[in-house]
Amino acid sequence: MNNVENNKKIAVQFLEHIVNRKIDEAYQLVNMDGKHHSPFYPAGFSALQKGMKENDGNIPEKKLTVHQVIAEDNMVSVFVHLALKPYEMAVVYIFKFKDGKIDELWDCGMPIPEEIKNKDGIF
């Protein structure tokens, strides 16, 4: 498997671990000296990991549906439908890799309304 395909696999695996409440396993895929860009947590992957652990019990029922994974060089984008009862979101996660580990992470999301007026849907 080449680096691009391996990075795609790792990105999806990271998200699946998070949704399946395996946060420590997810962070084994991360360069802990890297950075994330969530405005809700302090800088550093350690802070993001801690926040995810603290929030894990708040939404016990999570479902992740991956719709598309796009990769080029050391960047991977994952388009997902995230069901977090009682609401749902469309999220794009962007991962940057270094030496086979997640080195940088961004996420952009929008809530999915109950009634979708666009006949093309969210995905």
PDB file of N, CA and C in Angstrom:
ATOM      1  N   MET A   1       0.852  -1.177   0.000  1.00  0.00           N
ATOM      2  CA  MET A   1       0.000   0.000   0.000  1.00  0.00           C
ATOM      3  C   MET A   1       0.900   1.243   0.000  1.00  0.00           C
ATOM      4  N   ASN A   2       0.627   2.196  -0.894  1.00  0.00           N
ATOM      5  CA  ASN A   2       1.444   3.404  -0.935  1.00  0.00           C
ATOM      6  C   ASN A   2       1.044   4.375   0.178  1.00  0.00           C
ATOM      7  N   ASN A   3       1.837   5.425   0.350  1.00  0.00           N
ATOM      8  CA  ASN A   3       1.590   6.374   1.437  1.00  0.00           C
ATOM      9  C   ASN A   3       0.229   7.039   1.353  1.00  0.00           C
ATOM     10  N   VAL A   4      -0.200   7.412   0.156  1.00  0.00           N
ATOM     11  CA  VAL A   4      -1.487   8.089   0.008  1.00  0.00           C
ATOM     12  C   VAL A   4      -2.618   7.163   0.458  1.00  0.00           C
ATOM     13  N   GLU A   5      -2.598   5.927   0.001  1.00  0.00           N
ATOM     14  CA  GLU A   5      -3.645   4.969   0.390  1.00  0.00           C
ATOM     15  C   GLU A   5      -3.574   4.666   1.888  1.00  0.00           C
ATOM     16  N   ASN A   6      -2.384   4.568   2.422  1.00  0.00           N
ATOM     17  CA  ASN A   6      -2.224   4.325   3.855  1.00  0.00           C
ATOM     18  C   ASN A   6      -2.754   5.504   4.666  1.00  0.00           C
ATOM     19  N   ASN A   7      -2.479   6.715   4.226  1.00  0.00           N
ATOM     20  CA  ASN A   7      -2.989   7.905   4.913  1.00  0.00           C
ATOM     21  C   ASN A   7      -4.506   7.933   4.901  1.00  0.00           C
ATOM     22  N   LYS A   8      -5.118   7.568   3.773  1.00  0.00           N
ATOM     23  CA  LYS A   8      -6.588   7.509   3.700  1.00  0.00           C
ATOM     24  C   LYS A   8      -7.127   6.526   4.726  1.00  0.00           C
ATOM     25  N   LYS A   9      -6.505   5.373   4.796  1.00  0.00           N
ATOM     26  CA  LYS A   9      -6.932   4.339   5.738  1.00  0.00           C
ATOM     27  C   LYS A   9      -6.814   4.834   7.186  1.00  0.00           C
ATOM     28  N   ILE A  10      -5.705   5.483   7.506  1.00  0.00           N
ATOM     29  CA  ILE A  10      -5.484   5.988   8.863  1.00  0.00           C
ATOM     30  C   ILE A  10      -6.497   7.072   9.219  1.00  0.00           C
ATOM     31  N   ALA A  11      -6.793   7.971   8.296  1.00  0.00           N
ATOM     32  CA  ALA A  11      -7.755   9.048   8.561  1.00  0.00           C
ATOM     33  C   ALA A  11      -9.127   8.472   8.903  1.00  0.00           C
ATOM     34  N   VAL A  12      -9.579   7.526   8.111  1.00  0.00           N
ATOM     35  CA  VAL A  12     -10.895   6.912   8.369  1.00  0.00           C
ATOM     36  C   VAL A  12     -10.854   6.124   9.671  1.00  0.00           C
ATOM     37  N   GLN A  13      -9.783   5.405   9.895  1.00  0.00           N
ATOM     38  CA  GLN A  13      -9.649   4.620  11.127  1.00  0.00           C
ATOM     39  C   GLN A  13      -9.695   5.532  12.361  1.00  0.00           C
ATOM     40  N   PHE A  14      -9.033   6.683  12.290  1.00  0.00           N
ATOM     41  CA  PHE A  14      -9.059   7.644  13.390  1.00  0.00           C
ATOM     42  C   PHE A  14     -10.500   8.034  13.715  1.00  0.00           C
ATOM     43  N   LEU A  15     -11.260   8.418  12.697  1.00  0.00           N
ATOM     44  CA  LEU A  15     -12.644   8.838  12.910  1.00  0.00           C
ATOM     45  C   LEU A  15     -13.506   7.697  13.445  1.00  0.00           C
ATOM     46  N   GLU A  16     -13.316   6.504  12.915  1.00  0.00           N
ATOM     47  CA  GLU A  16     -14.078   5.349  13.390  1.00  0.00           C
ATOM     48  C   GLU A  16     -13.768   5.051  14.855  1.00  0.00           C
ATOM     49  N   HIS A  17     -12.513   5.141  15.238  1.00  0.00           N
ATOM     50  CA  HIS A  17     -12.150   4.931  16.642  1.00  0.00           C
ATOM     51  C   HIS A  17     -12.834   5.962  17.538  1.00  0.00           C
ATOM     52  N   ILE A  18     -12.847   7.211  17.127  1.00  0.00           N
ATOM     53  CA  ILE A  18     -13.480   8.258  17.939  1.00  0.00           C
ATOM     54  C   ILE A  18     -14.958   7.948  18.131  1.00  0.00           C
ATOM     55  N   VAL A  19     -15.659   7.646  17.054  1.00  0.00           N
ATOM     56  CA  VAL A  19     -17.094   7.369  17.131  1.00  0.00           C
ATOM     57  C   VAL A  19     -17.376   6.105  17.944  1.00  0.00           C
ATOM     58  N   ASN A  20     -16.472   5.151  17.877  1.00  0.00           N
ATOM     59  CA  ASN A  20     -16.649   3.894  18.616  1.00  0.00           C
ATOM     60  C   ASN A  20     -16.098   3.960  20.035  1.00  0.00           C
ATOM     61  N   ARG A  21     -15.816   5.159  20.513  1.00  0.00           N
ATOM     62  CA  ARG A  21     -15.399   5.407  21.888  1.00  0.00           C
ATOM     63  C   ARG A  21     -14.050   4.769  22.217  1.00  0.00           C
ATOM     64  N   LYS A  22     -13.177   4.721  21.212  1.00  0.00           N
ATOM     65  CA  LYS A  22     -11.817   4.193  21.382  1.00  0.00           C
ATOM     66  C   LYS A  22     -10.825   5.338  21.180  1.00  0.00           C
ATOM     67  N   ILE A  23     -10.946   6.317  22.035  1.00  0.00           N
ATOM     68  CA  ILE A  23     -10.193   7.556  21.853  1.00  0.00           C
ATOM     69  C   ILE A  23      -8.684   7.336  22.007  1.00  0.00           C
ATOM     70  N   ASP A  24      -8.275   6.551  22.984  1.00  0.00           N
ATOM     71  CA  ASP A  24      -6.840   6.305  23.143  1.00  0.00           C
ATOM     72  C   ASP A  24      -6.262   5.598  21.920  1.00  0.00           C
ATOM     73  N   GLU A  25      -7.014   4.650  21.353  1.00  0.00           N
ATOM     74  CA  GLU A  25      -6.560   3.961  20.144  1.00  0.00           C
ATOM     75  C   GLU A  25      -6.450   4.944  18.983  1.00  0.00           C
ATOM     76  N   ALA A  26      -7.407   5.866  18.878  1.00  0.00           N
ATOM     77  CA  ALA A  26      -7.367   6.873  17.816  1.00  0.00           C
ATOM     78  C   ALA A  26      -6.094   7.702  17.908  1.00  0.00           C
ATOM     79  N   TYR A  27      -5.731   8.081  19.110  1.00  0.00           N
ATOM     80  CA  TYR A  27      -4.576   8.962  19.277  1.00  0.00           C
ATOM     81  C   TYR A  27      -3.248   8.243  19.138  1.00  0.00           C
ATOM     82  N   GLN A  28      -3.257   6.940  18.998  1.00  0.00           N
ATOM     83  CA  GLN A  28      -2.031   6.223  18.646  1.00  0.00           C
ATOM     84  C   GLN A  28      -1.676   6.478  17.179  1.00  0.00           C
ATOM     85  N   LEU A  29      -2.646   6.985  16.416  1.00  0.00           N
ATOM     86  CA  LEU A  29      -2.445   7.289  15.000  1.00  0.00           C
ATOM     87  C   LEU A  29      -1.985   8.731  14.779  1.00  0.00           C
ATOM     88  N   VAL A  30      -1.762   9.452  15.857  1.00  0.00           N
ATOM     89  CA  VAL A  30      -1.501  10.890  15.816  1.00  0.00           C
ATOM     90  C   VAL A  30      -0.087  11.193  16.295  1.00  0.00           C
ATOM     91  N   ASN A  31       0.549  12.147  15.635  1.00  0.00           N
ATOM     92  CA  ASN A  31       1.787  12.733  16.135  1.00  0.00           C
ATOM     93  C   ASN A  31       1.371  13.730  17.210  1.00  0.00           C
ATOM     94  N   MET A  32       1.580  13.397  18.457  1.00  0.00           N
ATOM     95  CA  MET A  32       1.087  14.232  19.557  1.00  0.00           C
ATOM     96  C   MET A  32       1.772  15.599  19.609  1.00  0.00           C
ATOM     97  N   ASP A  33       2.853  15.786  18.860  1.00  0.00           N
ATOM     98  CA  ASP A  33       3.495  17.099  18.770  1.00  0.00           C
ATOM     99  C   ASP A  33       2.888  17.942  17.648  1.00  0.00           C
ATOM    100  N   GLY A  34       1.929  17.366  16.908  1.00  0.00           N
ATOM    101  CA  GLY A  34       1.271  18.078  15.818  1.00  0.00           C
ATOM    102  C   GLY A  34       0.254  19.072  16.357  1.00  0.00           C
ATOM    103  N   LYS A  35      -0.618  19.540  15.460  1.00  0.00           N
ATOM    104  CA  LYS A  35      -1.601  20.538  15.893  1.00  0.00           C
ATOM    105  C   LYS A  35      -2.965  20.306  15.269  1.00  0.00           C
ATOM    106  N   HIS A  36      -3.980  20.778  15.979  1.00  0.00           N
ATOM    107  CA  HIS A  36      -5.359  20.762  15.495  1.00  0.00           C
ATOM    108  C   HIS A  36      -5.846  22.207  15.435  1.00  0.00           C
ATOM    109  N   HIS A  37      -6.972  22.403  14.769  1.00  0.00           N
ATOM    110  CA  HIS A  37      -7.470  23.765  14.590  1.00  0.00           C
ATOM    111  C   HIS A  37      -8.893  23.937  15.106  1.00  0.00           C
ATOM    112  N   SER A  38      -9.284  23.144  16.089  1.00  0.00           N
ATOM    113  CA  SER A  38     -10.604  23.299  16.698  1.00  0.00           C
ATOM    114  C   SER A  38     -10.602  24.546  17.580  1.00  0.00           C
ATOM    115  N   PRO A  39     -11.591  25.419  17.399  1.00  0.00           N
ATOM    116  CA  PRO A  39     -11.646  26.614  18.239  1.00  0.00           C
ATOM    117  C   PRO A  39     -12.194  26.329  19.640  1.00  0.00           C
ATOM    118  N   PHE A  40     -12.632  25.100  19.885  1.00  0.00           N
ATOM    119  CA  PHE A  40     -13.275  24.760  21.151  1.00  0.00           C
ATOM    120  C   PHE A  40     -12.315  24.190  22.194  1.00  0.00           C
ATOM    121  N   TYR A  41     -11.076  23.926  21.806  1.00  0.00           N
ATOM    122  CA  TYR A  41     -10.097  23.327  22.710  1.00  0.00           C
ATOM    123  C   TYR A  41      -8.776  24.076  22.602  1.00  0.00           C
ATOM    124  N   PRO A  42      -7.996  24.063  23.682  1.00  0.00           N
ATOM    125  CA  PRO A  42      -6.670  24.683  23.609  1.00  0.00           C
ATOM    126  C   PRO A  42      -5.799  23.980  22.553  1.00  0.00           C
ATOM    127  N   ALA A  43      -4.729  24.620  22.177  1.00  0.00           N
ATOM    128  CA  ALA A  43      -3.805  24.066  21.181  1.00  0.00           C
ATOM    129  C   ALA A  43      -3.223  22.744  21.669  1.00  0.00           C
ATOM    130  N   GLY A  44      -2.836  21.920  20.690  1.00  0.00           N
ATOM    131  CA  GLY A  44      -2.169  20.663  20.985  1.00  0.00           C
ATOM    132  C   GLY A  44      -3.118  19.480  20.976  1.00  0.00           C
ATOM    133  N   PHE A  45      -2.622  18.372  20.444  1.00  0.00           N
ATOM    134  CA  PHE A  45      -3.448  17.168  20.374  1.00  0.00           C
ATOM    135  C   PHE A  45      -3.779  16.609  21.752  1.00  0.00           C
ATOM    136  N   SER A  46      -2.933  16.824  22.731  1.00  0.00           N
ATOM    137  CA  SER A  46      -3.242  16.336  24.082  1.00  0.00           C
ATOM    138  C   SER A  46      -4.512  16.989  24.614  1.00  0.00           C
ATOM    139  N   ALA A  47      -4.670  18.287  24.369  1.00  0.00           N
ATOM    140  CA  ALA A  47      -5.871  18.992  24.819  1.00  0.00           C
ATOM    141  C   ALA A  47      -7.105  18.500  24.077  1.00  0.00           C
ATOM    142  N   LEU A  48      -6.968  18.244  22.777  1.00  0.00           N
ATOM    143  CA  LEU A  48      -8.099  17.745  21.998  1.00  0.00           C
ATOM    144  C   LEU A  48      -8.492  16.345  22.462  1.00  0.00           C
ATOM    145  N   GLN A  49      -7.505  15.499  22.711  1.00  0.00           N
ATOM    146  CA  GLN A  49      -7.766  14.148  23.198  1.00  0.00           C
ATOM    147  C   GLN A  49      -8.496  14.203  24.549  1.00  0.00           C
ATOM    148  N   LYS A  50      -8.030  15.042  25.440  1.00  0.00           N
ATOM    149  CA  LYS A  50      -8.660  15.189  26.754  1.00  0.00           C
ATOM    150  C   LYS A  50     -10.109  15.654  26.596  1.00  0.00           C
ATOM    151  N   GLY A  51     -10.328  16.636  25.735  1.00  0.00           N
ATOM    152  CA  GLY A  51     -11.686  17.127  25.511  1.00  0.00           C
ATOM    153  C   GLY A  51     -12.598  16.060  24.932  1.00  0.00           C
ATOM    154  N   MET A  52     -12.073  15.258  24.020  1.00  0.00           N
ATOM    155  CA  MET A  52     -12.870  14.178  23.440  1.00  0.00           C
ATOM    156  C   MET A  52     -13.236  13.142  24.495  1.00  0.00           C
ATOM    157  N   LYS A  53     -12.307  12.841  25.371  1.00  0.00           N
ATOM    158  CA  LYS A  53     -12.591  11.884  26.448  1.00  0.00           C
ATOM    159  C   LYS A  53     -13.659  12.437  27.392  1.00  0.00           C
ATOM    160  N   GLU A  54     -13.554  13.713  27.730  1.00  0.00           N
ATOM    161  CA  GLU A  54     -14.526  14.330  28.631  1.00  0.00           C
ATOM    162  C   GLU A  54     -15.918  14.377  28.015  1.00  0.00           C
ATOM    163  N   ASN A  55     -15.994  14.607  26.714  1.00  0.00           N
ATOM    164  CA  ASN A  55     -17.289  14.718  26.034  1.00  0.00           C
ATOM    165  C   ASN A  55     -17.842  13.385  25.550  1.00  0.00           C
ATOM    166  N   ASP A  56     -17.039  12.334  25.617  1.00  0.00           N
ATOM    167  CA  ASP A  56     -17.429  11.045  25.065  1.00  0.00           C
ATOM    168  C   ASP A  56     -18.755  10.545  25.631  1.00  0.00           C
ATOM    169  N   GLY A  57     -18.967  10.671  26.911  1.00  0.00           N
ATOM    170  CA  GLY A  57     -20.196  10.171  27.529  1.00  0.00           C
ATOM    171  C   GLY A  57     -21.415  11.041  27.275  1.00  0.00           C
ATOM    172  N   ASN A  58     -21.210  12.287  26.825  1.00  0.00           N
ATOM    173  CA  ASN A  58     -22.338  13.190  26.588  1.00  0.00           C
ATOM    174  C   ASN A  58     -23.190  12.767  25.404  1.00  0.00           C
ATOM    175  N   ILE A  59     -22.580  12.108  24.445  1.00  0.00           N
ATOM    176  CA  ILE A  59     -23.297  11.645  23.249  1.00  0.00           C
ATOM    177  C   ILE A  59     -22.910  10.183  23.040  1.00  0.00           C
ATOM    178  N   PRO A  60     -23.538   9.282  23.785  1.00  0.00           N
ATOM    179  CA  PRO A  60     -23.121   7.884  23.694  1.00  0.00           C
ATOM    180  C   PRO A  60     -23.465   7.221  22.361  1.00  0.00           C
ATOM    181  N   GLU A  61     -24.535   7.669  21.718  1.00  0.00           N
ATOM    182  CA  GLU A  61     -24.931   7.076  20.443  1.00  0.00           C
ATOM    183  C   GLU A  61     -24.441   7.947  19.302  1.00  0.00           C
ATOM    184  N   LYS A  62     -23.387   7.475  18.643  1.00  0.00           N
ATOM    185  CA  LYS A  62     -22.826   8.197  17.506  1.00  0.00           C
ATOM    186  C   LYS A  62     -22.787   7.249  16.323  1.00  0.00           C
ATOM    187  N   LYS A  63     -22.999   7.810  15.144  1.00  0.00           N
ATOM    188  CA  LYS A  63     -22.881   7.004  13.935  1.00  0.00           C
ATOM    189  C   LYS A  63     -22.157   7.830  12.883  1.00  0.00           C
ATOM    190  N   LEU A  64     -21.185   7.215  12.258  1.00  0.00           N
ATOM    191  CA  LEU A  64     -20.373   7.864  11.245  1.00  0.00           C
ATOM    192  C   LEU A  64     -20.584   7.139   9.923  1.00  0.00           C
ATOM    193  N   THR A  65     -20.928   7.892   8.894  1.00  0.00           N
ATOM    194  CA  THR A  65     -21.021   7.336   7.548  1.00  0.00           C
ATOM    195  C   THR A  65     -20.055   8.115   6.672  1.00  0.00           C
ATOM    196  N   VAL A  66     -19.046   7.426   6.161  1.00  0.00           N
ATOM    197  CA  VAL A  66     -18.060   8.068   5.288  1.00  0.00           C
ATOM    198  C   VAL A  66     -18.626   8.069   3.870  1.00  0.00           C
ATOM    199  N   HIS A  67     -18.670   9.247   3.261  1.00  0.00           N
ATOM    200  CA  HIS A  67     -19.194   9.375   1.902  1.00  0.00           C
ATOM    201  C   HIS A  67     -18.098   9.478   0.856  1.00  0.00           C
ATOM    202  N   GLN A  68     -16.988  10.095   1.223  1.00  0.00           N
ATOM    203  CA  GLN A  68     -15.918  10.255   0.240  1.00  0.00           C
ATOM    204  C   GLN A  68     -14.603  10.537   0.961  1.00  0.00           C
ATOM    205  N   VAL A  69     -13.538   9.991   0.406  1.00  0.00           N
ATOM    206  CA  VAL A  69     -12.197  10.245   0.917  1.00  0.00           C
ATOM    207  C   VAL A  69     -11.343  10.674  -0.272  1.00  0.00           C
ATOM    208  N   ILE A  70     -10.730  11.838  -0.147  1.00  0.00           N
ATOM    209  CA  ILE A  70      -9.889  12.375  -1.214  1.00  0.00           C
ATOM    210  C   ILE A  70      -8.492  12.591  -0.637  1.00  0.00           C
ATOM    211  N   ALA A  71      -7.483  12.144  -1.353  1.00  0.00           N
ATOM    212  CA  ALA A  71      -6.117  12.290  -0.853  1.00  0.00           C
ATOM    213  C   ALA A  71      -5.174  12.716  -1.965  1.00  0.00           C
ATOM    214  N   GLU A  72      -4.211  13.526  -1.577  1.00  0.00           N
ATOM    215  CA  GLU A  72      -3.135  13.928  -2.475  1.00  0.00           C
ATOM    216  C   GLU A  72      -1.909  14.213  -1.621  1.00  0.00           C
ATOM    217  N   ASP A  73      -0.813  13.629  -2.007  1.00  0.00           N
ATOM    218  CA  ASP A  73       0.439  13.785  -1.254  1.00  0.00           C
ATOM    219  C   ASP A  73       0.205  13.447   0.230  1.00  0.00           C
ATOM    220  N   ASN A  74       0.423  14.425   1.125  1.00  0.00           N
ATOM    221  CA  ASN A  74       0.275  14.161   2.554  1.00  0.00           C
ATOM    222  C   ASN A  74      -1.024  14.716   3.148  1.00  0.00           C
ATOM    223  N   MET A  75      -2.010  15.026   2.280  1.00  0.00           N
ATOM    224  CA  MET A  75      -3.280  15.582   2.737  1.00  0.00           C
ATOM    225  C   MET A  75      -4.424  14.620   2.414  1.00  0.00           C
ATOM    226  N   VAL A  76      -5.358  14.492   3.361  1.00  0.00           N
ATOM    227  CA  VAL A  76      -6.538  13.644   3.183  1.00  0.00           C
ATOM    228  C   VAL A  76      -7.756  14.424   3.659  1.00  0.00           C
ATOM    229  N   SER A  77      -8.821  14.415   2.853  1.00  0.00           N
ATOM    230  CA  SER A  77     -10.108  14.984   3.249  1.00  0.00           C
ATOM    231  C   SER A  77     -11.129  13.864   3.321  1.00  0.00           C
ATOM    232  N   VAL A  78     -11.900  13.856   4.405  1.00  0.00           N
ATOM    233  CA  VAL A  78     -12.916  12.824   4.607  1.00  0.00           C
ATOM    234  C   VAL A  78     -14.259  13.525   4.789  1.00  0.00           C
ATOM    235  N   PHE A  79     -15.215  13.210   3.913  1.00  0.00           N
ATOM    236  CA  PHE A  79     -16.556  13.779   3.951  1.00  0.00           C
ATOM    237  C   PHE A  79     -17.468  12.789   4.658  1.00  0.00           C
ATOM    238  N   VAL A  80     -18.083  13.215   5.778  1.00  0.00           N
ATOM    239  CA  VAL A  80     -18.874  12.280   6.569  1.00  0.00           C
ATOM    240  C   VAL A  80     -20.239  12.843   6.946  1.00  0.00           C
ATOM    241  N   HIS A  81     -21.142  11.904   7.176  1.00  0.00           N
ATOM    242  CA  HIS A  81     -22.438  12.185   7.799  1.00  0.00           C
ATOM    243  C   HIS A  81     -22.286  11.692   9.227  1.00  0.00           C
ATOM    244  N   LEU A  82     -22.424  12.599  10.175  1.00  0.00           N
ATOM    245  CA  LEU A  82     -22.224  12.285  11.580  1.00  0.00           C
ATOM    246  C   LEU A  82     -23.558  12.421  12.301  1.00  0.00           C
ATOM    247  N   ALA A  83     -24.075  11.308  12.817  1.00  0.00           N
ATOM    248  CA  ALA A  83     -25.327  11.311  13.576  1.00  0.00           C
ATOM    249  C   ALA A  83     -24.987  11.342  15.055  1.00  0.00           C
ATOM    250  N   LEU A  84     -25.352  12.427  15.696  1.00  0.00           N
ATOM    251  CA  LEU A  84     -25.108  12.632  17.121  1.00  0.00           C
ATOM    252  C   LEU A  84     -26.450  12.908  17.776  1.00  0.00           C
ATOM    253  N   LYS A  85     -27.172  11.873  18.060  1.00  0.00           N
ATOM    254  CA  LYS A  85     -28.545  12.055  18.542  1.00  0.00           C
ATOM    255  C   LYS A  85     -28.600  13.128  19.596  1.00  0.00           C
ATOM    256  N   PRO A  86     -29.450  14.116  19.464  1.00  0.00           N
ATOM    257  CA  PRO A  86     -30.618  14.196  18.588  1.00  0.00           C
ATOM    258  C   PRO A  86     -30.380  14.949  17.271  1.00  0.00           C
ATOM    259  N   TYR A  87     -29.146  15.308  16.934  1.00  0.00           N
ATOM    260  CA  TYR A  87     -28.934  16.058  15.697  1.00  0.00           C
ATOM    261  C   TYR A  87     -27.939  15.338  14.796  1.00  0.00           C
ATOM    262  N   GLU A  88     -27.873  15.828  13.554  1.00  0.00           N
ATOM    263  CA  GLU A  88     -26.963  15.243  12.570  1.00  0.00           C
ATOM    264  C   GLU A  88     -26.177  16.355  11.901  1.00  0.00           C
ATOM    265  N   MET A  89     -24.986  15.992  11.424  1.00  0.00           N
ATOM    266  CA  MET A  89     -24.112  16.981  10.805  1.00  0.00           C
ATOM    267  C   MET A  89     -23.434  16.413   9.575  1.00  0.00           C
ATOM    268  N   ALA A  90     -23.135  17.297   8.649  1.00  0.00           N
ATOM    269  CA  ALA A  90     -22.243  16.987   7.532  1.00  0.00           C
ATOM    270  C   ALA A  90     -20.908  17.620   7.906  1.00  0.00           C
ATOM    271  N   VAL A  91     -19.852  16.810   7.882  1.00  0.00           N
ATOM    272  CA  VAL A  91     -18.547  17.298   8.329  1.00  0.00           C
ATOM    273  C   VAL A  91     -17.484  16.908   7.305  1.00  0.00           C
ATOM    274  N   VAL A  92     -16.562  17.826   7.075  1.00  0.00           N
ATOM    275  CA  VAL A  92     -15.370  17.537   6.283  1.00  0.00           C
ATOM    276  C   VAL A  92     -14.179  17.651   7.228  1.00  0.00           C
ATOM    277  N   TYR A  93     -13.466  16.551   7.354  1.00  0.00           N
ATOM    278  CA  TYR A  93     -12.244  16.518   8.150  1.00  0.00           C
ATOM    279  C   TYR A  93     -11.066  16.580   7.188  1.00  0.00           C
ATOM    280  N   ILE A  94     -10.099  17.392   7.515  1.00  0.00           N
ATOM    281  CA  ILE A  94      -8.902  17.518   6.694  1.00  0.00           C
ATOM    282  C   ILE A  94      -7.702  17.140   7.561  1.00  0.00           C
ATOM    283  N   PHE A  95      -6.959  16.169   7.089  1.00  0.00           N
ATOM    284  CA  PHE A  95      -5.800  15.654   7.817  1.00  0.00           C
ATOM    285  C   PHE A  95      -4.529  15.942   7.029  1.00  0.00           C
ATOM    286  N   LYS A  96      -3.497  16.324   7.740  1.00  0.00           N
ATOM    287  CA  LYS A  96      -2.162  16.438   7.163  1.00  0.00           C
ATOM    288  C   LYS A  96      -1.298  15.389   7.857  1.00  0.00           C
ATOM    289  N   PHE A  97      -0.532  14.645   7.079  1.00  0.00           N
ATOM    290  CA  PHE A  97       0.269  13.545   7.608  1.00  0.00           C
ATOM    291  C   PHE A  97       1.757  13.856   7.555  1.00  0.00           C
ATOM    292  N   LYS A  98       2.454  13.273   8.518  1.00  0.00           N
ATOM    293  CA  LYS A  98       3.914  13.353   8.545  1.00  0.00           C
ATOM    294  C   LYS A  98       4.417  12.021   9.115  1.00  0.00           C
ATOM    295  N   ASP A  99       5.275  11.365   8.389  1.00  0.00           N
ATOM    296  CA  ASP A  99       5.866  10.096   8.831  1.00  0.00           C
ATOM    297  C   ASP A  99       4.814   9.060   9.212  1.00  0.00           C
ATOM    298  N   GLY A 100       3.727   9.007   8.443  1.00  0.00           N
ATOM    299  CA  GLY A 100       2.706   7.981   8.651  1.00  0.00           C
ATOM    300  C   GLY A 100       1.742   8.240   9.791  1.00  0.00           C
ATOM    301  N   LYS A 101       1.783   9.450  10.353  1.00  0.00           N
ATOM    302  CA  LYS A 101       0.871   9.792  11.452  1.00  0.00           C
ATOM    303  C   LYS A 101       0.163  11.106  11.141  1.00  0.00           C
ATOM    304  N   ILE A 102      -1.002  11.270  11.749  1.00  0.00           N
ATOM    305  CA  ILE A 102      -1.745  12.523  11.620  1.00  0.00           C
ATOM    306  C   ILE A 102      -0.942  13.612  12.317  1.00  0.00           C
ATOM    307  N   ASP A 103      -0.622  14.664  11.586  1.00  0.00           N
ATOM    308  CA  ASP A 103       0.213  15.735  12.124  1.00  0.00           C
ATOM    309  C   ASP A 103      -0.558  17.043  12.290  1.00  0.00           C
ATOM    310  N   GLU A 104      -1.674  17.156  11.562  1.00  0.00           N
ATOM    311  CA  GLU A 104      -2.484  18.366  11.645  1.00  0.00           C
ATOM    312  C   GLU A 104      -3.920  17.997  11.279  1.00  0.00           C
ATOM    313  N   LEU A 105      -4.891  18.665  11.924  1.00  0.00           N
ATOM    314  CA  LEU A 105      -6.302  18.319  11.735  1.00  0.00           C
ATOM    315  C   LEU A 105      -7.174  19.560  11.738  1.00  0.00           C
ATOM    316  N   TRP A 106      -8.056  19.621  10.743  1.00  0.00           N
ATOM    317  CA  TRP A 106      -9.085  20.649  10.663  1.00  0.00           C
ATOM    318  C   TRP A 106     -10.427  19.939  10.533  1.00  0.00           C
ATOM    319  N   ASP A 107     -11.501  20.595  10.958  1.00  0.00           N
ATOM    320  CA  ASP A 107     -12.840  20.069  10.679  1.00  0.00           C
ATOM    321  C   ASP A 107     -13.788  21.235  10.434  1.00  0.00           C
ATOM    322  N   CYS A 108     -14.657  21.040   9.454  1.00  0.00           N
ATOM    323  CA  CYS A 108     -15.657  22.032   9.089  1.00  0.00           C
ATOM    324  C   CYS A 108     -16.988  21.301   9.019  1.00  0.00           C
ATOM    325  N   GLY A 109     -17.996  21.788   9.738  1.00  0.00           N
ATOM    326  CA  GLY A 109     -19.266  21.077   9.750  1.00  0.00           C
ATOM    327  C   GLY A 109     -20.460  21.999   9.663  1.00  0.00           C
ATOM    328  N   MET A 110     -21.574  21.402   9.281  1.00  0.00           N
ATOM    329  CA  MET A 110     -22.841  22.131   9.275  1.00  0.00           C
ATOM    330  C   MET A 110     -23.939  21.183   9.718  1.00  0.00           C
ATOM    331  N   PRO A 111     -24.903  21.709  10.465  1.00  0.00           N
ATOM    332  CA  PRO A 111     -26.005  20.856  10.894  1.00  0.00           C
ATOM    333  C   PRO A 111     -26.868  20.464   9.695  1.00  0.00           C
ATOM    334  N   ILE A 112     -27.439  19.284   9.773  1.00  0.00           N
ATOM    335  CA  ILE A 112     -28.362  18.823   8.735  1.00  0.00           C
ATOM    336  C   ILE A 112     -29.776  19.065   9.269  1.00  0.00           C
ATOM    337  N   PRO A 113     -30.551  19.921   8.619  1.00  0.00           N
ATOM    338  CA  PRO A 113     -31.905  20.194   9.101  1.00  0.00           C
ATOM    339  C   PRO A 113     -32.821  18.987   8.870  1.00  0.00           C
ATOM    340  N   GLU A 114     -33.899  18.928   9.637  1.00  0.00           N
ATOM    341  CA  GLU A 114     -34.858  17.840   9.458  1.00  0.00           C
ATOM    342  C   GLU A 114     -35.433  17.842   8.053  1.00  0.00           C
ATOM    343  N   GLU A 115     -35.720  19.031   7.554  1.00  0.00           N
ATOM    344  CA  GLU A 115     -36.256  19.145   6.193  1.00  0.00           C
ATOM    345  C   GLU A 115     -35.169  19.721   5.288  1.00  0.00           C
ATOM    346  N   ILE A 116     -34.796  18.958   4.292  1.00  0.00           N
ATOM    347  CA  ILE A 116     -33.772  19.408   3.343  1.00  0.00           C
ATOM    348  C   ILE A 116     -34.484  19.853   2.069  1.00  0.00           C
ATOM    349  N   LYS A 117     -34.346  21.114   1.729  1.00  0.00           N
ATOM    350  CA  LYS A 117     -35.022  21.665   0.555  1.00  0.00           C
ATOM    351  C   LYS A 117     -34.280  21.374  -0.743  1.00  0.00           C
ATOM    352  N   ASN A 118     -32.999  21.110  -0.620  1.00  0.00           N
ATOM    353  CA  ASN A 118     -32.180  20.844  -1.810  1.00  0.00           C
ATOM    354  C   ASN A 118     -32.362  19.399  -2.250  1.00  0.00           C
ATOM    355  N   LYS A 119     -32.900  19.193  -3.444  1.00  0.00           N
ATOM    356  CA  LYS A 119     -33.174  17.848  -3.934  1.00  0.00           C
ATOM    357  C   LYS A 119     -31.888  17.033  -4.142  1.00  0.00           C
ATOM    358  N   ASP A 120     -30.742  17.710  -4.232  1.00  0.00           N
ATOM    359  CA  ASP A 120     -29.467  17.010  -4.384  1.00  0.00           C
ATOM    360  C   ASP A 120     -28.959  16.469  -3.056  1.00  0.00           C
ATOM    361  N   GLY A 121     -29.563  16.875  -1.941  1.00  0.00           N
ATOM    362  CA  GLY A 121     -29.185  16.384  -0.623  1.00  0.00           C
ATOM    363  C   GLY A 121     -27.884  16.970  -0.118  1.00  0.00           C
ATOM    364  N   ILE A 122     -27.457  16.479   1.006  1.00  0.00           N
ATOM    365  CA  ILE A 122     -26.227  16.970   1.633  1.00  0.00           C
ATOM    366  C   ILE A 122     -24.990  16.373   0.964  1.00  0.00           C
ATOM    367  N   PHE A 123     -25.108  15.121   0.533  1.00  0.00           N
ATOM    368  CA  PHE A 123     -23.949  14.450  -0.072  1.00  0.00           C
ATOM    369  C   PHE A 123     -24.242  14.100  -1.506  1.00  0.00           C
TER     370      PHE A 123
END
